[in-house]
Amino acid sequence: MSTKHFSLFLLLFFLCQSCFNKKGNDDNTLIISEKSVPCSIKCNNIVSDTASIVPLEIANQFYKHINRFEGGQFNIVTKMPETWAVECKLTPFSPDFDIWIVSNIGESFVKLLVTLTTGETPTVIQALPIAYNIAIEEFNYIESEFWAAEIDNSYNIIVTKKYERLYSIVNDSTENKSNTSTKQDNYLIELNGKIVYQKPETFDAQYNAIVQFADMAVVGTLGEDWVLNSIAVQERVEALNIFFVIATTNFNAVEITDYHGEIVDIVDISSFISKHNTGYLLLKKGEKTLFIPYDTPEKCLQKAESYFNLEILTKNEEEE
């Protein structure tokens, strides 16, 4: 089946910001150029904005690194370009290596952060994909992937990776195949020029939890019933050591905390937010998350009773 690539976003900016001091300590901002694949660099050590072509002998070294990086991988795999241009050069920590940001020549859809040795015959130390913008249209669905990066003054790199598959015709066979996910990976450039993946913190604690969530961008102001419902649910489950969390932002990294305020897990609920504006999520470590449409506390507790294998939540209510 034939496929075609097309840009998902128009007029997205490739923004490199450099804060450097002139006489009088006035701050200035350097805006590199407008690009369709975004990467925001906020630091005081940009060397230059350039559009020089990457020599073929260097570009050929990119590919083994593109297929080996740690963190979230490409969901939509396509042939990588053969020609690249240097869009920005950053000041390295050492005279032994350089730091480049390169993108493909032509319709830009991928950017790499590249570290390479200095000298007459530079060698690529590492090449990390940090921005990606691609889509594929099939007979019954559109699949898209969009990565955007931020680089701060300490060379901490945050790459936000979003993938989505949407069906144009939804029926019983396709309804559950739609998929939206957002992941954030962190990297750091070390003193030797290596770009190191910062593995997310893992949590071993077993727990039960209920998340009451609302997408504020859609819902707007939350009513009094939202607050009263959350209080009612928490009062029921707290004595059973079921943690209760309210989530209205940062859905890709919701912190599950115990009743002492300690984080026991960090979960990504963005796939639920893409389909539901409000609701409850029942979570048990190692088990599939259960979604409950937003309703009265009683409805939530009835589902929780079954999910957590309890018989006390609604019994307590009946006794009252």
Protein backbone atom coordinates (compact mmCIF):
# COMPACT_ATOMS: atom_id res chain seq x y z
CA MET A 1 0.00 0.00 0.00
CA SER A 2 1.44 3.38 -0.93
CA THR A 3 2.25 5.89 1.76
CA LYS A 4 2.96 9.56 1.76
CA HIS A 5 4.70 11.79 4.17
CA PHE A 6 3.31 15.17 4.96
CA SER A 7 3.94 17.84 7.50
CA LEU A 8 1.55 17.89 10.44
CA PHE A 9 2.30 21.30 11.70
CA LEU A 10 2.82 24.56 9.85
CA LEU A 11 4.85 27.48 11.06
CA LEU A 12 6.38 25.65 14.02
CA PHE A 13 9.49 27.39 15.12
CA PHE A 14 13.04 26.17 15.46
CA LEU A 15 14.05 28.52 18.22
CA CYS A 16 17.56 28.84 19.47
CA GLN A 17 17.84 31.37 22.24
CA SER A 18 21.16 32.68 23.47
CA CYS A 19 21.46 34.96 26.46
CA PHE A 20 24.87 36.62 26.41
CA ASN A 21 26.26 39.73 28.02
CA LYS A 22 27.34 42.86 26.21
CA LYS A 23 28.68 45.99 27.83
CA GLY A 24 26.17 47.11 30.42
CA ASN A 25 25.07 43.45 31.00
CA ASP A 26 22.11 43.81 28.63
CA ASP A 27 20.47 40.50 27.74
CA ASN A 28 19.90 39.67 24.08
CA THR A 29 18.05 36.84 22.40
CA LEU A 30 19.32 35.16 19.27
CA ILE A 31 16.58 33.70 17.08
CA ILE A 32 18.08 31.32 14.61
CA SER A 33 15.33 30.65 12.06
CA GLU A 34 11.82 29.38 11.48
CA LYS A 35 11.65 25.63 10.95
CA SER A 36 8.97 22.95 10.70
CA VAL A 37 10.65 20.64 13.22
CA PRO A 38 11.02 22.36 16.58
CA CYS A 39 13.99 22.40 18.90
CA SER A 40 14.32 25.04 21.59
CA ILE A 41 17.80 25.84 22.87
CA LYS A 42 17.98 28.07 25.91
CA CYS A 43 21.60 28.65 26.81
CA ASN A 44 24.36 31.22 26.75
CA ASN A 45 26.85 29.28 24.70
CA ILE A 46 25.68 29.14 21.09
CA VAL A 47 28.69 29.47 18.81
CA SER A 48 26.95 30.09 15.51
CA ASP A 49 23.90 29.67 13.35
CA THR A 50 25.02 28.01 10.16
CA ALA A 51 23.62 26.15 7.20
CA SER A 52 26.80 24.39 6.10
CA ILE A 53 26.46 20.99 4.45
CA VAL A 54 27.64 18.02 6.52
CA PRO A 55 30.45 16.21 4.67
CA LEU A 56 29.38 12.79 3.45
CA GLU A 57 32.10 10.96 5.40
CA ILE A 58 30.65 12.41 8.62
CA ALA A 59 26.99 11.98 7.66
CA ASN A 60 27.57 8.30 6.96
CA GLN A 61 28.53 7.85 10.61
CA PHE A 62 25.13 9.09 11.83
CA TYR A 63 23.15 6.02 10.90
CA LYS A 64 24.57 3.47 13.30
CA HIS A 65 23.83 5.88 16.16
CA ILE A 66 20.30 6.65 14.95
CA ASN A 67 19.42 2.97 15.33
CA ARG A 68 21.06 2.51 18.74
CA PHE A 69 19.92 5.30 21.04
CA GLU A 70 18.23 4.56 24.35
CA GLY A 71 14.77 5.76 25.33
CA GLY A 72 11.55 5.78 23.30
CA GLN A 73 12.05 4.54 19.75
CA PHE A 74 10.41 5.57 16.49
CA ASN A 75 6.90 4.19 16.11
CA ILE A 76 6.87 5.21 12.45
CA VAL A 77 10.10 3.99 10.90
CA THR A 78 11.16 5.61 7.66
CA LYS A 79 14.36 5.77 5.65
CA MET A 80 16.72 8.34 7.07
CA PRO A 81 17.97 11.11 4.75
CA GLU A 82 21.33 10.98 3.05
CA THR A 83 22.14 14.70 3.11
CA TRP A 84 22.28 16.93 6.19
CA ALA A 85 23.04 20.54 7.07
CA VAL A 86 24.46 21.98 10.30
CA GLU A 87 21.85 24.35 11.72
CA CYS A 88 23.52 25.30 14.96
CA LYS A 89 26.81 24.82 16.77
CA LEU A 90 27.11 24.89 20.56
CA THR A 91 30.11 25.55 22.75
CA PRO A 92 31.40 22.18 24.01
CA PHE A 93 32.82 21.43 27.46
CA SER A 94 36.16 20.44 25.98
CA PRO A 95 38.33 21.42 23.01
CA ASP A 96 38.37 17.71 22.11
CA PHE A 97 34.82 17.62 20.69
CA ASP A 98 32.18 19.76 18.98
CA ILE A 99 28.39 19.85 19.39
CA TRP A 100 26.17 20.27 16.34
CA ILE A 101 22.47 20.29 15.65
CA VAL A 102 21.81 19.02 12.15
CA SER A 103 18.67 18.50 10.10
CA ASN A 104 17.97 16.83 6.80
CA ILE A 105 18.17 18.89 3.64
CA GLY A 106 14.88 19.41 1.83
CA GLU A 107 11.55 19.18 3.64
CA SER A 108 12.84 18.99 7.19
CA PHE A 109 11.41 16.17 9.27
CA VAL A 110 14.25 15.07 11.57
CA LYS A 111 16.92 16.77 13.67
CA LEU A 112 19.94 15.21 15.34
CA LEU A 113 22.12 16.34 18.20
CA VAL A 114 25.64 15.31 17.22
CA THR A 115 28.89 15.25 19.18
CA LEU A 116 32.09 14.66 17.25
CA THR A 117 35.82 14.81 17.76
CA THR A 118 37.80 17.79 16.57
CA GLY A 119 40.80 17.68 14.28
CA GLU A 120 41.47 17.09 10.61
CA THR A 121 39.33 13.90 10.44
CA PRO A 122 36.41 14.33 12.84
CA THR A 123 34.71 11.19 14.13
CA VAL A 124 31.11 11.12 15.35
CA ILE A 125 30.96 10.30 19.05
CA GLN A 126 27.18 10.15 19.16
CA ALA A 127 24.15 11.20 17.12
CA LEU A 128 20.80 11.42 18.89
CA PRO A 129 17.43 12.10 17.19
CA ILE A 130 15.88 15.01 19.08
CA ALA A 131 13.10 16.21 16.76
CA TYR A 132 10.87 14.29 14.37
CA ASN A 133 7.74 15.17 12.46
CA ILE A 134 6.16 12.60 10.18
CA ALA A 135 2.80 11.10 9.25
CA ILE A 136 1.55 8.22 7.15
CA GLU A 137 -1.90 8.02 5.61
CA GLU A 138 -3.37 4.57 5.03
CA PHE A 139 -6.78 3.44 3.79
CA ASN A 140 -8.58 3.72 7.12
CA TYR A 141 -6.30 5.64 9.45
CA ILE A 142 -3.69 8.33 9.84
CA GLU A 143 -0.58 7.62 11.86
CA SER A 144 1.54 10.51 13.08
CA GLU A 145 4.60 11.02 15.22
CA PHE A 146 5.94 14.28 16.56
CA TRP A 147 9.06 14.81 18.69
CA ALA A 148 10.22 18.15 20.07
CA ALA A 149 13.33 18.91 22.11
CA GLU A 150 14.50 21.42 24.67
CA ILE A 151 18.14 21.96 25.62
CA ASP A 152 19.04 24.03 28.65
CA ASN A 153 22.20 25.82 29.75
CA SER A 154 23.60 22.68 31.44
CA TYR A 155 23.05 20.60 28.31
CA ASN A 156 20.15 18.72 29.80
CA ILE A 157 18.10 17.51 26.85
CA ILE A 158 14.38 16.81 27.14
CA VAL A 159 12.75 15.11 24.15
CA THR A 160 8.96 14.90 24.19
CA LYS A 161 7.71 12.13 21.92
CA LYS A 162 4.08 11.95 20.83
CA TYR A 163 2.56 9.20 18.71
CA GLU A 164 -1.02 8.96 17.46
CA ARG A 165 -3.06 6.62 15.29
CA LEU A 166 -6.57 7.77 14.40
CA TYR A 167 -9.12 5.86 12.35
CA SER A 168 -11.27 7.68 9.81
CA ILE A 169 -14.00 5.05 10.12
CA VAL A 170 -14.61 3.73 13.63
CA ASN A 171 -16.42 0.47 14.24
CA ASP A 172 -16.22 -2.39 16.74
CA SER A 173 -13.08 -3.79 15.13
CA THR A 174 -11.15 -0.51 15.04
CA GLU A 175 -12.42 1.27 18.14
CA ASN A 176 -9.85 -0.26 20.47
CA LYS A 177 -6.96 0.06 18.03
CA SER A 178 -6.74 3.86 18.16
CA ASN A 179 -3.70 4.83 20.11
CA THR A 180 -2.23 8.03 21.52
CA SER A 181 0.87 8.14 23.68
CA THR A 182 3.22 10.80 24.97
CA LYS A 183 6.63 10.04 26.44
CA GLN A 184 9.38 12.29 27.72
CA ASP A 185 13.02 11.17 27.61
CA ASN A 186 15.92 12.96 29.30
CA TYR A 187 19.52 12.97 28.12
CA LEU A 188 22.74 14.65 29.23
CA ILE A 189 25.97 15.45 27.39
CA GLU A 190 28.91 14.26 29.47
CA LEU A 191 32.40 15.72 29.62
CA ASN A 192 33.72 13.15 27.13
CA GLY A 193 31.08 14.05 24.52
CA LYS A 194 28.86 11.03 25.15
CA ILE A 195 25.11 11.69 25.13
CA VAL A 196 23.75 9.64 28.04
CA TYR A 197 20.14 8.55 28.56
CA GLN A 198 18.85 9.39 32.02
CA LYS A 199 16.86 6.34 33.03
CA PRO A 200 13.62 7.24 34.80
CA GLU A 201 13.35 6.42 38.46
CA THR A 202 11.72 3.06 39.09
CA PHE A 203 9.47 2.22 42.00
CA ASP A 204 9.09 -1.26 43.47
CA ALA A 205 6.37 -0.53 46.01
CA GLN A 206 3.08 -2.36 45.61
CA TYR A 207 0.08 -0.05 45.84
CA ASN A 208 -3.58 0.51 45.04
CA ALA A 209 -4.67 3.95 43.86
CA ILE A 210 -7.56 5.93 42.42
CA VAL A 211 -6.87 8.90 40.14
CA GLN A 212 -9.64 11.45 39.58
CA PHE A 213 -8.70 13.44 36.50
CA ALA A 214 -9.93 16.33 34.39
CA ASP A 215 -8.46 17.93 31.28
CA MET A 216 -8.66 21.60 32.25
CA ALA A 217 -7.98 22.72 28.68
CA VAL A 218 -11.34 21.20 27.73
CA VAL A 219 -13.36 21.28 30.94
CA GLY A 220 -12.39 24.75 32.11
CA THR A 221 -13.60 25.50 35.64
CA LEU A 222 -14.35 22.54 37.90
CA GLY A 223 -17.67 22.70 39.74
CA GLU A 224 -18.43 22.16 43.41
CA ASP A 225 -19.56 18.59 42.73
CA TRP A 226 -16.02 17.76 41.54
CA VAL A 227 -14.58 18.80 44.90
CA LEU A 228 -17.29 17.08 46.94
CA ASN A 229 -16.92 13.87 44.93
CA SER A 230 -13.18 13.80 45.46
CA ILE A 231 -13.61 14.27 49.22
CA ALA A 232 -16.21 11.51 49.39
CA VAL A 233 -14.09 9.00 47.47
CA GLN A 234 -10.94 9.77 49.43
CA GLU A 235 -12.71 9.39 52.78
CA ARG A 236 -13.87 5.91 51.77
CA VAL A 237 -10.56 4.58 50.47
CA GLU A 238 -8.05 6.20 52.82
CA ALA A 239 -8.69 3.75 55.68
CA LEU A 240 -8.00 0.87 53.27
CA ASN A 241 -4.65 2.37 52.24
CA ILE A 242 -5.85 3.03 48.70
CA PHE A 243 -4.09 6.18 47.58
CA PHE A 244 -6.18 8.96 46.06
CA VAL A 245 -4.73 11.40 43.51
CA ILE A 246 -6.24 14.34 41.64
CA ALA A 247 -4.71 15.01 38.21
CA THR A 248 -5.46 18.12 36.14
CA THR A 249 -2.04 18.73 34.48
CA ASN A 250 1.14 16.88 33.45
CA PHE A 251 -0.80 13.79 32.41
CA ASN A 252 2.29 12.06 31.02
CA ALA A 253 3.89 12.03 34.48
CA VAL A 254 1.26 11.81 37.22
CA GLU A 255 2.80 11.25 40.64
CA ILE A 256 1.13 8.61 42.78
CA THR A 257 1.79 9.58 46.40
CA ASP A 258 1.03 7.80 49.64
CA TYR A 259 -0.64 9.51 52.58
CA HIS A 260 2.76 10.65 53.87
CA GLY A 261 3.40 12.54 50.64
CA GLU A 262 6.03 10.06 49.39
CA ILE A 263 6.03 9.25 45.67
CA VAL A 264 5.41 5.53 45.09
CA ASP A 265 5.08 5.68 41.29
CA ILE A 266 4.93 8.00 38.28
CA VAL A 267 2.39 7.00 35.63
CA ASP A 268 1.49 8.20 32.15
CA ILE A 269 -2.28 8.62 31.72
CA SER A 270 -2.15 10.72 28.56
CA SER A 271 -3.70 7.93 26.46
CA PHE A 272 -6.86 8.18 28.59
CA ILE A 273 -6.92 11.98 28.37
CA SER A 274 -6.96 11.82 24.59
CA LYS A 275 -10.27 9.93 24.75
CA HIS A 276 -11.93 11.24 27.94
CA ASN A 277 -12.05 14.73 29.43
CA THR A 278 -12.89 13.58 32.97
CA GLY A 279 -13.10 10.35 34.88
CA TYR A 280 -11.49 8.01 37.36
CA LEU A 281 -8.63 5.58 36.90
CA LEU A 282 -8.12 2.56 39.13
CA LEU A 283 -4.51 1.49 39.41
CA LYS A 284 -2.88 -1.53 40.96
CA LYS A 285 0.84 -2.12 40.63
CA GLY A 286 1.40 -4.66 37.88
CA GLU A 287 -2.25 -4.73 36.76
CA LYS A 288 -4.09 -3.16 33.81
CA THR A 289 -5.47 0.30 34.59
CA LEU A 290 -9.28 0.53 34.64
CA PHE A 291 -11.09 3.66 33.41
CA ILE A 292 -14.41 4.71 34.97
CA PRO A 293 -16.48 7.55 33.43
CA TYR A 294 -16.90 10.51 35.77
CA ASP A 295 -19.97 9.90 37.93
CA THR A 296 -21.08 9.88 41.56
CA PRO A 297 -18.72 8.59 44.26
CA GLU A 298 -20.96 5.56 44.66
CA LYS A 299 -20.45 4.49 41.04
CA CYS A 300 -16.69 4.85 41.38
CA LEU A 301 -16.62 2.90 44.64
CA GLN A 302 -18.69 0.05 43.22
CA LYS A 303 -16.14 -0.42 40.43
CA ALA A 304 -13.25 -0.03 42.87
CA GLU A 305 -14.74 -2.72 45.10
CA SER A 306 -14.51 -5.26 42.32
CA TYR A 307 -11.16 -4.08 40.94
CA PHE A 308 -9.41 -4.15 44.31
CA ASN A 309 -11.24 -7.31 45.47
CA LEU A 310 -12.93 -5.52 48.36
CA GLU A 311 -16.37 -5.76 49.91
CA ILE A 312 -16.19 -2.96 52.40
CA LEU A 313 -16.55 0.25 50.36
CA THR A 314 -20.27 0.06 49.60
CA LYS A 315 -21.05 -1.94 52.74
CA ASN A 316 -19.89 0.93 54.89
CA GLU A 317 -22.11 3.26 52.95
CA GLU A 318 -25.18 0.98 53.40
CA GLU A 319 -24.60 0.78 57.15
CA GLU A 320 -24.66 4.54 57.37
